Amino acid sequence: MEPLDYHAEERSKASFDVEEMKIVWAGSRHAFEISDRAARLVASDPVFRKDNRTMLSRKELFKDTLRKTAHAVKRTIELNLSEEETHTLWFYVDQPAYANLHWGMFIPAIEGQGTEEQKQKWLPMAHNMQIIGCYAQTELGHGSNVQGLETTATFDPQTDEFVIHSPTLTSSKWWPGGLGKVSTHAVVYARLRTDGQDYGVHGFIVQLRSLDDHSPLPGITVGDIGMKFGSGAYNSMDNGLLRFDHVRIPRNQMLMRLSQVTREGKYVQSDVPRQLVYGTMVYVRQIIVSEASCALSRAVCIATRYSAVRRQFGSENGGPETQVINYKTQQSRLFPLLASAYAFRFVGEWMKWLYTDVSKRLQVNDFSTLPEVHACAAGLKSITTSATADAIEECRKLCGGHGYLSCSGLPELFAVYIPNCTYEGDNIVMLLQVARFLMKTISRLVSGKMPVGTAAYLGRVEHLMQCHCEVQRAEDWLKHSIILEAFEARSARMSVACAESLSRFSTPEEGFGEISADLVEAAVAHCQLIIVSKFIEKLQQDIPGKGVKTQLENLCNVYALSLLHKHLGDFVSTGCITPKQGALANEQLRSLYSQVRPNAIALVDAFNHTDHYLGSVLGCYDGNVYQKLYEEAWKSPLNDTVVPDGYDEYIRPLLKQNFRTARL
């Protein structure tokens, strides 16, 4: 007997080739095939079970994570997986673990900052996991301000060693993933002191635990920082604290690709350009942008499928109630998030190209695009992660009361995702970095220095300050040239307004402090323009498959016009559009929602998420939500017994008391 598919009718409405859209989402047929195999491999392996994760105690959860990590390594070896296949398998295991930091931060730090000799010594051990490493930079008292770190590394010329020390409580390393209970080594960032001078923050490879019995080495105080937000979620990771009491390491454990200390204690900079370190930063942030689309697509998939199953009100003559997804209020909240998932996916693809391009340039000492690339990586990291965190919570609310259940998958997804807004750069700090780039770009226009890449539109600032939107009818907003010019004009005018405000202060820093909120808004406008423009560029490519391009055009327009509607005050107050044109944009947006509606289920099917990866009763592929909710309820540990533990001690005595004379 064929299993019921409660979404079958919805799927039959699709006016595009879903299988081709899956390939567009994956990036290529090759990427789709690797992703599909990995997802199904993980879903079919009982060791990777995760439906009980939120009910585990912290110790049980951590041990479960250790078991899954070891099993993933074992399967990688048994199946002889390529690097791409291994990365994809880890992605679908979907449980934060120490290995993420070992492979994602510890190894890249040595690769990027170590000499050839250091790489030959440390990387084979790290790749074989004979040592397990973490990235110990953030301290109890300092995060974003790396130059304010307090841990010291003082060179002792008598013993040819560095002495690593935590001079204050706030100098304790705090938050590094994998540090708390697992890592045997760390790349530790500390203030280098030698020859009576402080040379700022540098990286050092420090062994933390014995390779025999895993006990902390002398002078090392290390442990876990405690429970984090939510059930399950990021509590699978042993984020740690670390203090050093005059710990000595050999001089050659300073990462010396960019600078070194000689045997005599002299600080010497190498001829390797320091800008090379930005390559690693861009790499990490482009991964974060790509992962934003994955997290957002999960939440949107759950909310869309549930909205098609859930019915409330609207029954006529005893007929069925109205599907929640048919209400315009639901569509106006949900469909812009669906469009955002696709928009973030495509800007993430572009960022991969950007990283490859800047890496090639750095190898030949071409730093011309670095400021623009750095601003892109910082800004897009901020915009996509903030929007995704907000969107996951909005999807929970779109699912009504059932969205609050752990089995909906949304509470844990929210809890595990929101650290993205602060790690690898606080999002507001990132936007202020973008704003500094924009202000410098505008100031250089006077000297005739034309901006490049995503800032090239500022080279047409005179036109953008004076242009008028040509929209006369709602459908005019479907023209990409009109959308682009509106977003360019908004961004240019907000940046110029900030530059003019800054010129009135006695010092730039005073101005930055006073108008920082305006600068953040200008940076947001610039980054949203980038995402819109990259979505439009995607549509200019050859996209195969029946109806696929049409659906992507609809989503692109939904994304752009929903942003315009949300930030209508910016567009109108800067004179980019009139209030009437803003109203026409909203009218067109409603029309677009009607076009997205029959394709909504197919558009989330194109994400190709397995039920295991989604981890949601509400978002299951077959739509059999209520049966699964009922079954899930009986898995609650409280239902292990009919009469609850504690009845005899606390409930029965209350029930047997006489409360008639009590004054409550």
Foldseek 3Di string as FASTA:
>chain_A
DDDFFPCVVLQVLAQWDLQLLLQVLLPHPVSSVLLLVLLVVLVPDPLLFCLCQLVDDLVVLQVSQVSVVVVLVVVCVVVVDDPSSSVSNVVLSPADELVCQLVQPFLVCCVQQADPVSCVPPVVCSVVPLFGEWEFQAWQQDDQPSQPAAWAFEADLVVQKTWTFQPDNRNKGWFIWCFAQHGQKYFHWHFYDFPHDTPTIFTFIDGAADSPPRHGDPQKDKHAPDDAPHGRANSNTRTMIIGGDRDIDHQSRTRDPQWGADSNGDTGGDPQDPLSVVLSLLVVLLVLLQVLLVLLLLLLLLLLLLQQLDFDDDDDPPDTGHRNLPDVVLLLLRLLSLLLSSLSSLVSVVSVVVSVVVNVCSVVPNCPCVLVSLLLSLLSLLLSLVVSLVSLVSSLVSNPPVSPDVLQVSRSSSRNRNCSCPPSHNSLRSLLSNLVSLLVQLVCVVVVDADDDLCNLLVVLVCLLDDEQPDDALCVLLDLVSLLSLLSSLLSLLSVVLNVQCVVDPDNVVSCVVCVVSSSVSSNSSNLSSSLVSLVVVLVDDRDIRCSSVLSSLSSLLNSLSVCLVVVVSSPVSNHYHVVNNVSSVVSNSVSSVVCSSCSNSSSVSNVRACSSSSHLSSHSSRPNPVVVVVVVCVDPQNPDPDGPCCVPPVVVVVPDDCPPPDD
